[in-house]
N, C-alpha and C. Protein backbone atom coordinates (compact mmCIF):
# COMPACT_ATOMS: atom_id res chain seq x y z
N MET A 1 -81.68 -103.00 -124.22
CA MET A 1 -81.66 -103.46 -125.23
C MET A 1 -80.32 -103.28 -125.58
N GLU A 2 -79.19 -102.95 -125.28
CA GLU A 2 -78.14 -102.10 -125.76
C GLU A 2 -77.80 -103.08 -126.73
N ASN A 3 -77.20 -102.40 -127.76
CA ASN A 3 -76.61 -103.63 -129.17
C ASN A 3 -77.54 -104.60 -129.55
N LEU A 4 -78.57 -104.29 -129.16
CA LEU A 4 -79.79 -105.17 -130.08
C LEU A 4 -80.30 -104.80 -131.21
N ASP A 5 -79.13 -105.13 -132.56
CA ASP A 5 -80.38 -104.06 -133.80
C ASP A 5 -81.34 -104.99 -134.32
N LYS A 6 -81.95 -104.40 -134.84
CA LYS A 6 -83.34 -105.33 -135.80
C LYS A 6 -83.21 -106.54 -135.84
N ILE A 7 -82.00 -106.94 -136.36
CA ILE A 7 -81.71 -108.78 -136.86
C ILE A 7 -81.65 -109.08 -135.84
N ASN A 8 -80.60 -108.63 -134.87
CA ASN A 8 -80.59 -109.50 -133.37
C ASN A 8 -81.98 -109.84 -132.59
N ARG A 9 -82.66 -108.64 -132.65
CA ARG A 9 -83.79 -108.93 -131.99
C ARG A 9 -84.70 -110.32 -132.93
N LYS A 10 -84.76 -110.19 -134.43
CA LYS A 10 -85.53 -111.02 -135.10
C LYS A 10 -85.11 -112.62 -134.99
N ILE A 11 -83.49 -112.77 -134.65
CA ILE A 11 -82.88 -114.25 -134.29
C ILE A 11 -83.40 -114.38 -133.18
N LEU A 12 -83.49 -113.46 -131.81
CA LEU A 12 -83.81 -114.07 -130.82
C LEU A 12 -85.40 -114.13 -130.87
N ASN A 13 -86.00 -113.72 -131.28
CA ASN A 13 -87.35 -113.84 -131.58
C ASN A 13 -87.97 -115.32 -132.36
N ILE A 14 -87.06 -115.48 -133.06
CA ILE A 14 -86.73 -117.19 -134.22
C ILE A 14 -86.75 -117.77 -133.22
N LEU A 15 -85.19 -117.96 -132.69
CA LEU A 15 -84.82 -118.77 -131.66
C LEU A 15 -85.56 -119.13 -130.29
N GLN A 16 -86.99 -118.28 -130.11
CA GLN A 16 -87.41 -118.51 -128.83
C GLN A 16 -88.79 -119.13 -129.31
N ASP A 17 -88.83 -119.01 -130.58
CA ASP A 17 -90.00 -119.78 -131.13
C ASP A 17 -89.95 -121.15 -131.56
N ASP A 18 -88.27 -121.35 -131.88
CA ASP A 18 -88.08 -122.65 -132.29
C ASP A 18 -86.12 -122.81 -132.22
N CYS A 19 -85.80 -123.22 -130.98
CA CYS A 19 -84.26 -123.05 -130.81
C CYS A 19 -83.71 -124.48 -131.98
N SER A 20 -84.74 -125.28 -132.25
CA SER A 20 -83.59 -126.60 -133.07
C SER A 20 -83.87 -125.78 -134.70
N ILE A 21 -83.92 -124.78 -134.69
CA ILE A 21 -83.88 -124.48 -136.18
C ILE A 21 -82.52 -124.43 -136.75
N THR A 22 -82.53 -124.49 -137.93
CA THR A 22 -81.12 -125.19 -138.46
C THR A 22 -80.42 -123.69 -139.02
N ASN A 23 -79.42 -123.47 -138.89
CA ASN A 23 -78.64 -121.96 -139.22
C ASN A 23 -79.19 -121.71 -140.53
N ASN A 24 -78.96 -122.38 -141.61
CA ASN A 24 -78.86 -121.97 -142.69
C ASN A 24 -80.73 -121.64 -142.60
N GLU A 25 -82.12 -122.13 -142.35
CA GLU A 25 -83.24 -121.97 -142.30
C GLU A 25 -82.92 -119.93 -141.23
N LEU A 26 -82.46 -120.39 -140.50
CA LEU A 26 -82.83 -119.07 -139.32
C LEU A 26 -81.91 -117.64 -140.64
N ALA A 27 -80.48 -117.70 -141.56
CA ALA A 27 -80.21 -117.36 -142.08
C ALA A 27 -81.02 -116.59 -143.27
N LYS A 28 -81.89 -118.00 -143.83
CA LYS A 28 -82.84 -116.97 -144.38
C LYS A 28 -84.12 -116.35 -144.14
N ARG A 29 -84.33 -116.24 -142.81
CA ARG A 29 -85.83 -115.55 -142.30
C ARG A 29 -84.93 -114.71 -141.73
N VAL A 30 -83.82 -113.94 -141.75
CA VAL A 30 -83.50 -112.51 -141.17
C VAL A 30 -82.47 -112.07 -142.43
N GLY A 31 -82.59 -112.65 -143.47
CA GLY A 31 -81.69 -112.41 -145.09
C GLY A 31 -80.08 -112.17 -144.51
N LEU A 32 -79.77 -112.72 -144.13
CA LEU A 32 -78.17 -112.72 -143.96
C LEU A 32 -77.46 -114.34 -144.28
N ALA A 33 -76.13 -114.29 -144.68
CA ALA A 33 -75.72 -115.64 -145.19
C ALA A 33 -75.61 -115.75 -144.05
N PRO A 34 -75.42 -117.48 -143.84
CA PRO A 34 -75.23 -118.20 -142.64
C PRO A 34 -74.35 -117.86 -142.05
N ALA A 35 -73.02 -117.77 -142.44
CA ALA A 35 -71.91 -117.60 -141.73
C ALA A 35 -71.71 -115.90 -140.58
N THR A 36 -72.85 -115.15 -141.64
CA THR A 36 -73.07 -113.94 -140.49
C THR A 36 -73.69 -114.17 -139.31
N THR A 37 -74.85 -114.95 -139.56
CA THR A 37 -75.76 -115.26 -138.77
C THR A 37 -75.02 -115.73 -137.93
N LEU A 38 -74.54 -117.16 -137.75
CA LEU A 38 -73.93 -118.23 -136.73
C LEU A 38 -72.99 -116.57 -136.04
N GLU A 39 -72.19 -116.16 -136.76
CA GLU A 39 -71.10 -115.01 -135.87
C GLU A 39 -72.61 -114.46 -134.67
N ARG A 40 -73.14 -113.98 -135.48
CA ARG A 40 -74.05 -113.32 -134.48
C ARG A 40 -74.49 -114.05 -133.50
N VAL A 41 -75.25 -115.11 -133.45
CA VAL A 41 -75.88 -115.98 -132.74
C VAL A 41 -74.46 -116.05 -131.39
N ARG A 42 -73.31 -116.68 -131.97
CA ARG A 42 -72.42 -116.99 -131.19
C ARG A 42 -72.20 -115.91 -130.07
N LYS A 43 -71.79 -114.59 -130.70
CA LYS A 43 -71.96 -113.47 -129.93
C LYS A 43 -73.21 -113.36 -129.27
N LEU A 44 -74.28 -113.18 -129.09
CA LEU A 44 -74.90 -113.22 -128.55
C LEU A 44 -74.83 -114.33 -127.18
N GLU A 45 -74.63 -115.15 -127.28
CA GLU A 45 -74.51 -116.11 -126.38
C GLU A 45 -73.46 -115.68 -126.02
N SER A 46 -72.41 -115.53 -126.42
CA SER A 46 -71.26 -114.88 -125.34
C SER A 46 -71.29 -113.85 -124.42
N ARG A 47 -72.13 -112.71 -125.53
CA ARG A 47 -72.62 -111.85 -124.12
C ARG A 47 -73.73 -111.81 -123.14
N GLY A 48 -74.29 -113.71 -123.25
CA GLY A 48 -75.33 -113.95 -122.16
C GLY A 48 -76.35 -113.21 -122.65
N VAL A 49 -76.67 -112.72 -124.04
CA VAL A 49 -78.39 -112.19 -124.47
C VAL A 49 -78.72 -113.73 -124.68
N LEU A 50 -78.46 -114.35 -124.90
CA LEU A 50 -78.78 -115.55 -124.99
C LEU A 50 -78.37 -116.44 -124.50
N SER A 51 -79.18 -117.26 -123.36
CA SER A 51 -78.31 -117.99 -121.81
C SER A 51 -78.84 -119.25 -122.35
N ASN A 52 -79.27 -119.72 -123.00
CA ASN A 52 -79.85 -121.29 -122.60
C ASN A 52 -80.58 -121.69 -124.13
N TYR A 53 -80.52 -122.76 -124.29
CA TYR A 53 -81.39 -123.63 -125.39
C TYR A 53 -82.37 -124.81 -124.61
N VAL A 54 -83.69 -124.92 -124.65
CA VAL A 54 -84.56 -125.67 -123.72
C VAL A 54 -85.07 -126.19 -124.56
N ALA A 55 -85.84 -127.83 -124.54
CA ALA A 55 -86.85 -128.65 -124.90
C ALA A 55 -88.03 -128.22 -124.00
N GLN A 56 -89.04 -127.83 -124.31
CA GLN A 56 -90.50 -127.79 -123.38
C GLN A 56 -91.59 -129.15 -123.39
N ILE A 57 -91.55 -129.94 -122.38
CA ILE A 57 -92.01 -131.34 -122.44
C ILE A 57 -93.33 -130.85 -121.69
N ASN A 58 -94.80 -131.38 -122.34
CA ASN A 58 -95.66 -131.47 -122.37
C ASN A 58 -96.16 -131.91 -120.64
N PRO A 59 -95.89 -131.61 -119.89
CA PRO A 59 -96.33 -132.03 -118.03
C PRO A 59 -97.47 -133.52 -118.20
N LYS A 60 -98.47 -133.16 -119.25
CA LYS A 60 -99.63 -133.85 -118.73
C LYS A 60 -99.05 -135.43 -119.44
N SER A 61 -97.98 -135.63 -120.17
CA SER A 61 -97.76 -136.56 -120.99
C SER A 61 -96.46 -137.15 -119.90
N VAL A 62 -95.97 -136.04 -119.30
CA VAL A 62 -95.13 -136.94 -118.05
C VAL A 62 -95.67 -137.25 -116.42
N ASP A 63 -97.00 -136.87 -116.27
CA ASP A 63 -97.57 -137.17 -115.37
C ASP A 63 -97.19 -135.98 -114.30
N LYS A 64 -96.71 -134.75 -114.86
CA LYS A 64 -96.55 -133.72 -114.05
C LYS A 64 -97.59 -132.63 -114.10
N ASP A 65 -98.62 -132.82 -113.95
CA ASP A 65 -99.39 -131.43 -114.31
C ASP A 65 -100.31 -130.67 -113.32
N THR A 66 -99.94 -130.84 -112.17
CA THR A 66 -100.51 -130.16 -111.21
C THR A 66 -99.94 -129.40 -110.46
N ILE A 67 -100.11 -127.92 -110.46
CA ILE A 67 -99.06 -126.72 -110.15
C ILE A 67 -99.54 -126.08 -108.86
N ALA A 68 -98.76 -125.80 -107.89
CA ALA A 68 -99.05 -125.05 -106.86
C ALA A 68 -97.86 -123.81 -107.01
N PHE A 69 -98.62 -122.73 -106.23
CA PHE A 69 -97.65 -121.69 -106.22
C PHE A 69 -97.62 -121.30 -104.54
N VAL A 70 -96.76 -121.16 -104.31
CA VAL A 70 -96.39 -121.64 -102.32
C VAL A 70 -95.68 -120.05 -101.83
N GLU A 71 -96.53 -119.41 -100.95
CA GLU A 71 -95.85 -118.05 -100.65
C GLU A 71 -95.19 -119.01 -99.37
N LEU A 72 -94.38 -118.31 -98.73
CA LEU A 72 -93.54 -118.49 -97.39
C LEU A 72 -93.07 -117.07 -96.71
N SER A 73 -92.82 -116.99 -95.74
CA SER A 73 -91.89 -116.76 -94.86
C SER A 73 -90.86 -117.11 -94.11
N LEU A 74 -89.84 -116.03 -93.84
CA LEU A 74 -88.81 -116.76 -93.20
C LEU A 74 -89.06 -116.31 -91.57
N THR A 75 -88.42 -117.17 -90.60
CA THR A 75 -88.34 -116.38 -89.00
C THR A 75 -87.67 -115.22 -89.34
N LYS A 76 -86.29 -115.12 -89.72
CA LYS A 76 -85.86 -114.54 -89.62
C LYS A 76 -85.36 -113.74 -91.20
N HIS A 77 -84.84 -112.69 -91.19
CA HIS A 77 -84.32 -111.89 -92.41
C HIS A 77 -82.66 -111.70 -92.64
N THR A 78 -81.82 -112.46 -91.74
CA THR A 78 -80.50 -112.80 -91.82
C THR A 78 -79.90 -112.79 -93.23
N THR A 79 -78.66 -112.49 -93.54
CA THR A 79 -78.40 -112.92 -94.37
C THR A 79 -78.24 -114.45 -94.78
N GLU A 80 -77.65 -115.31 -93.23
CA GLU A 80 -77.31 -116.32 -93.15
C GLU A 80 -78.62 -116.86 -93.30
N GLN A 81 -79.82 -116.57 -92.64
CA GLN A 81 -80.79 -117.75 -93.16
C GLN A 81 -81.16 -117.46 -94.02
N VAL A 82 -81.44 -116.33 -95.23
CA VAL A 82 -81.71 -116.07 -96.60
C VAL A 82 -80.84 -117.15 -97.38
N GLU A 83 -79.96 -116.83 -97.32
CA GLU A 83 -78.36 -117.41 -98.06
C GLU A 83 -78.49 -119.32 -97.66
N GLN A 84 -78.94 -119.72 -96.52
CA GLN A 84 -79.41 -120.84 -96.53
C GLN A 84 -80.28 -121.36 -96.75
N PHE A 85 -81.33 -120.83 -97.12
CA PHE A 85 -82.77 -121.06 -97.74
C PHE A 85 -82.75 -121.13 -99.60
N ASN A 86 -81.96 -119.86 -99.92
CA ASN A 86 -81.74 -120.33 -101.21
C ASN A 86 -80.68 -121.53 -101.93
N ARG A 87 -80.01 -121.47 -100.82
CA ARG A 87 -79.47 -123.32 -101.44
C ARG A 87 -80.09 -124.28 -101.12
N ALA A 88 -81.11 -124.22 -100.02
CA ALA A 88 -81.57 -125.47 -99.82
C ALA A 88 -82.83 -125.47 -100.79
N ILE A 89 -83.16 -124.50 -101.25
CA ILE A 89 -84.87 -124.62 -102.12
C ILE A 89 -84.19 -124.82 -103.79
N VAL A 90 -82.89 -124.57 -104.08
CA VAL A 90 -82.59 -124.82 -105.19
C VAL A 90 -82.38 -126.29 -105.43
N GLU A 91 -82.08 -127.19 -104.59
CA GLU A 91 -82.11 -128.22 -104.43
C GLU A 91 -83.33 -129.39 -104.34
N LEU A 92 -84.32 -129.03 -104.08
CA LEU A 92 -85.57 -129.46 -104.72
C LEU A 92 -86.52 -129.78 -105.91
N GLU A 93 -86.02 -130.77 -106.88
CA GLU A 93 -86.45 -130.89 -107.75
C GLU A 93 -87.84 -130.60 -108.27
N GLU A 94 -88.77 -130.27 -107.63
CA GLU A 94 -90.45 -129.78 -107.60
C GLU A 94 -90.43 -128.65 -107.66
N VAL A 95 -89.23 -127.56 -107.32
CA VAL A 95 -89.53 -125.82 -107.37
C VAL A 95 -89.15 -125.52 -109.10
N GLU A 96 -89.95 -124.85 -110.05
CA GLU A 96 -89.67 -124.69 -111.45
C GLU A 96 -88.77 -123.44 -110.93
N ASP A 97 -89.57 -122.62 -110.17
CA ASP A 97 -89.39 -121.15 -109.79
C ASP A 97 -89.37 -120.34 -108.95
N CYS A 98 -88.23 -119.94 -108.03
CA CYS A 98 -88.30 -119.29 -106.47
C CYS A 98 -88.20 -117.68 -107.05
N TYR A 99 -89.04 -116.75 -106.35
CA TYR A 99 -88.52 -115.43 -106.35
C TYR A 99 -88.53 -114.95 -104.66
N ARG A 100 -87.91 -114.13 -104.71
CA ARG A 100 -87.76 -113.50 -103.36
C ARG A 100 -88.48 -112.40 -103.65
N ILE A 101 -89.84 -112.15 -103.29
CA ILE A 101 -90.83 -111.09 -103.33
C ILE A 101 -90.43 -109.85 -102.14
N SER A 102 -91.64 -108.66 -102.48
CA SER A 102 -92.02 -107.88 -101.31
C SER A 102 -93.40 -108.00 -100.84
N GLY A 103 -93.84 -107.16 -99.95
CA GLY A 103 -95.05 -107.93 -99.43
C GLY A 103 -94.89 -108.30 -97.62
N ASP A 104 -96.34 -109.29 -97.66
CA ASP A 104 -96.06 -109.72 -96.34
C ASP A 104 -95.76 -110.97 -96.58
N ARG A 105 -94.96 -111.98 -97.60
CA ARG A 105 -94.31 -113.12 -97.71
C ARG A 105 -93.01 -112.63 -98.03
N ASP A 106 -92.05 -113.32 -98.50
CA ASP A 106 -90.39 -113.29 -98.58
C ASP A 106 -90.46 -114.02 -99.85
N TYR A 107 -91.45 -114.92 -100.26
CA TYR A 107 -90.55 -116.21 -101.24
C TYR A 107 -91.88 -116.34 -102.16
N LEU A 108 -91.85 -116.40 -103.23
CA LEU A 108 -93.12 -117.02 -104.25
C LEU A 108 -92.16 -118.46 -104.84
N LEU A 109 -93.12 -119.47 -104.89
CA LEU A 109 -92.32 -120.92 -105.36
C LEU A 109 -93.58 -121.26 -106.63
N LYS A 110 -92.66 -121.64 -107.14
CA LYS A 110 -93.59 -122.18 -108.48
C LYS A 110 -93.54 -123.61 -108.41
N VAL A 111 -94.21 -124.66 -107.68
CA VAL A 111 -94.00 -126.04 -107.50
C VAL A 111 -94.72 -126.85 -108.64
N ARG A 112 -94.45 -128.10 -108.97
CA ARG A 112 -94.96 -129.06 -110.40
C ARG A 112 -95.13 -130.27 -109.72
N VAL A 113 -95.94 -131.10 -109.55
CA VAL A 113 -96.03 -131.90 -108.84
C VAL A 113 -97.30 -133.70 -109.81
N LYS A 114 -97.08 -134.56 -109.47
CA LYS A 114 -98.35 -135.19 -109.97
C LYS A 114 -99.57 -134.54 -109.74
N ASP A 115 -99.32 -134.89 -108.49
CA ASP A 115 -101.25 -134.51 -108.19
C ASP A 115 -101.12 -134.15 -106.64
N ILE A 116 -102.96 -133.71 -105.88
CA ILE A 116 -102.19 -132.87 -104.60
C ILE A 116 -101.12 -134.32 -103.41
N LYS A 117 -101.71 -135.55 -103.64
CA LYS A 117 -100.70 -136.39 -102.72
C LYS A 117 -99.63 -136.09 -102.96
N ASP A 118 -99.06 -136.06 -104.17
CA ASP A 118 -97.56 -135.78 -104.47
C ASP A 118 -97.48 -134.36 -103.74
N PHE A 119 -98.01 -133.81 -103.85
CA PHE A 119 -97.82 -131.91 -103.28
C PHE A 119 -97.35 -132.31 -101.80
N ASP A 120 -98.82 -133.27 -100.89
CA ASP A 120 -98.54 -133.34 -99.54
C ASP A 120 -97.50 -134.34 -99.23
N ARG A 121 -96.77 -134.97 -99.96
CA ARG A 121 -95.06 -135.55 -99.67
C ARG A 121 -94.14 -134.42 -99.99
N PHE A 122 -94.52 -133.64 -100.80
CA PHE A 122 -93.18 -133.04 -101.11
C PHE A 122 -93.24 -131.71 -100.18
N SER A 123 -94.43 -131.16 -99.55
CA SER A 123 -94.47 -130.39 -98.48
C SER A 123 -94.01 -130.50 -97.34
N PHE A 124 -94.19 -131.95 -96.80
CA PHE A 124 -94.17 -132.41 -95.32
C PHE A 124 -92.64 -133.37 -95.59
N GLU A 125 -92.48 -133.98 -96.52
CA GLU A 125 -91.04 -134.43 -96.28
C GLU A 125 -89.52 -134.09 -96.92
N GLU A 126 -89.95 -133.02 -98.16
CA GLU A 126 -89.17 -131.83 -98.47
C GLU A 126 -88.85 -130.49 -98.00
N LEU A 127 -90.18 -129.86 -98.49
CA LEU A 127 -90.05 -128.37 -97.40
C LEU A 127 -90.24 -127.96 -96.51
N SER A 128 -90.53 -128.60 -95.84
CA SER A 128 -90.72 -129.01 -94.42
C SER A 128 -89.67 -129.03 -93.41
N LYS A 129 -88.54 -129.38 -94.16
CA LYS A 129 -87.21 -129.38 -93.52
C LYS A 129 -86.32 -128.37 -94.06
N ILE A 130 -86.60 -127.38 -94.31
CA ILE A 130 -85.69 -126.48 -94.55
C ILE A 130 -86.15 -125.66 -93.60
N PRO A 131 -84.56 -125.57 -92.82
CA PRO A 131 -84.95 -124.83 -91.47
C PRO A 131 -85.07 -123.41 -91.57
N GLY A 132 -86.24 -122.66 -90.52
CA GLY A 132 -86.08 -121.39 -90.86
C GLY A 132 -87.57 -120.76 -91.74
N ILE A 133 -88.15 -121.60 -91.86
CA ILE A 133 -89.64 -121.47 -92.48
C ILE A 133 -90.57 -121.07 -91.46
N GLU A 134 -91.47 -119.84 -91.34
CA GLU A 134 -92.41 -119.74 -90.69
C GLU A 134 -93.93 -119.77 -91.21
N ARG A 135 -94.44 -119.34 -92.37
CA ARG A 135 -95.28 -119.89 -92.48
C ARG A 135 -95.42 -120.03 -94.03
N CYS A 136 -96.46 -120.73 -94.43
CA CYS A 136 -96.53 -121.21 -96.27
C CYS A 136 -98.22 -120.72 -95.91
N SER A 137 -98.04 -120.23 -97.82
CA SER A 137 -99.47 -120.49 -98.16
C SER A 137 -99.58 -120.58 -99.23
N THR A 138 -100.66 -122.08 -99.69
CA THR A 138 -100.48 -122.60 -101.23
C THR A 138 -101.80 -121.95 -101.44
N LYS A 139 -101.42 -122.29 -103.51
CA LYS A 139 -102.64 -121.78 -104.23
C LYS A 139 -102.34 -122.90 -105.09
N PHE A 140 -103.66 -123.83 -105.67
CA PHE A 140 -103.00 -124.74 -106.38
C PHE A 140 -104.05 -124.34 -107.95
N VAL A 141 -103.15 -124.85 -109.60
CA VAL A 141 -103.73 -123.85 -110.27
C VAL A 141 -105.38 -125.00 -110.98
N LEU A 142 -105.97 -124.31 -111.06
CA LEU A 142 -107.32 -124.93 -111.78
C LEU A 142 -107.21 -125.64 -112.91
N LYS A 143 -106.92 -124.03 -113.45
CA LYS A 143 -106.32 -124.12 -115.16
C LYS A 143 -105.19 -123.48 -115.78
N PRO A 144 -104.70 -123.58 -115.97
CA PRO A 144 -103.61 -122.77 -116.90
C PRO A 144 -103.80 -121.93 -117.99
N ILE A 145 -104.20 -120.58 -118.00
CA ILE A 145 -104.71 -120.12 -119.36
C ILE A 145 -103.45 -119.53 -120.14
N ILE A 146 -102.53 -118.87 -119.47
CA ILE A 146 -101.39 -118.56 -120.54
C ILE A 146 -100.07 -119.14 -119.87
N ASN A 147 -99.01 -119.31 -120.39
CA ASN A 147 -97.95 -119.89 -119.55
C ASN A 147 -96.47 -119.54 -120.77
N LYS A 148 -96.29 -117.96 -121.09
CA LYS A 148 -95.47 -118.09 -121.60
C LYS A 148 -93.90 -118.48 -121.53
N THR A 149 -92.77 -118.21 -122.04
CA THR A 149 -91.90 -118.32 -122.29
C THR A 149 -90.62 -117.50 -122.74
N LYS A 150 -91.28 -116.75 -124.01
CA LYS A 150 -91.00 -116.10 -124.88
C LYS A 150 -90.88 -114.66 -124.17
N ILE A 151 -90.03 -113.88 -124.32
CA ILE A 151 -89.90 -112.80 -123.82
C ILE A 151 -89.57 -111.84 -125.72
N THR A 152 -90.95 -111.27 -126.10
CA THR A 152 -90.73 -110.70 -127.06
C THR A 152 -90.27 -109.85 -127.49
N LEU A 153 -89.28 -109.51 -128.54
CA LEU A 153 -88.82 -108.36 -128.53
C LEU A 153 -89.15 -107.54 -129.92
N PRO A 154 -89.90 -105.95 -129.79
CA PRO A 154 -90.04 -105.08 -130.83
C PRO A 154 -88.84 -105.42 -131.73
N GLU A 155 -88.99 -105.48 -132.76
CA GLU A 155 -87.80 -106.12 -134.33
C GLU A 155 -87.54 -103.94 -134.48
N GLU A 156 -88.62 -102.82 -134.28
CA GLU A 156 -88.46 -101.74 -134.63
C GLU A 156 -88.42 -100.93 -133.51
N VAL A 157 -86.99 -100.20 -132.88
CA VAL A 157 -87.22 -99.70 -131.76
C VAL A 157 -87.33 -98.03 -132.24
């Protein structure tokens, strides 16, 4: 947390809770003048600490509330095959997250679809077309318990 003083950490925590907050309201909550607050936010953006602003959508309201976690392995672990897989997986809109992992599988995907039938379509019409996938194992989420997007930063270090 290099160069993240108490006020910067407070700014980041507030923006993670509500990125639609006005600069004036943010300034009040951190106890600074609006111009000073805006300057801090812009510096956090330019340094890449604050990298994106997003709106979260209720998945049920757009009929995309089925989540599957897919563990998969590649047939080879050459640089070329790994890069080919990485390029292909980012093109699949159903894949929300993709991680290269340790253990007996190579990747962990978080896939969001309408339902099991939609996952079946995704699996056979899209995922299976990526060359070099050796095996997959899928687990469906029965009930989400917690889904955080916020990285809570302590205001006191």
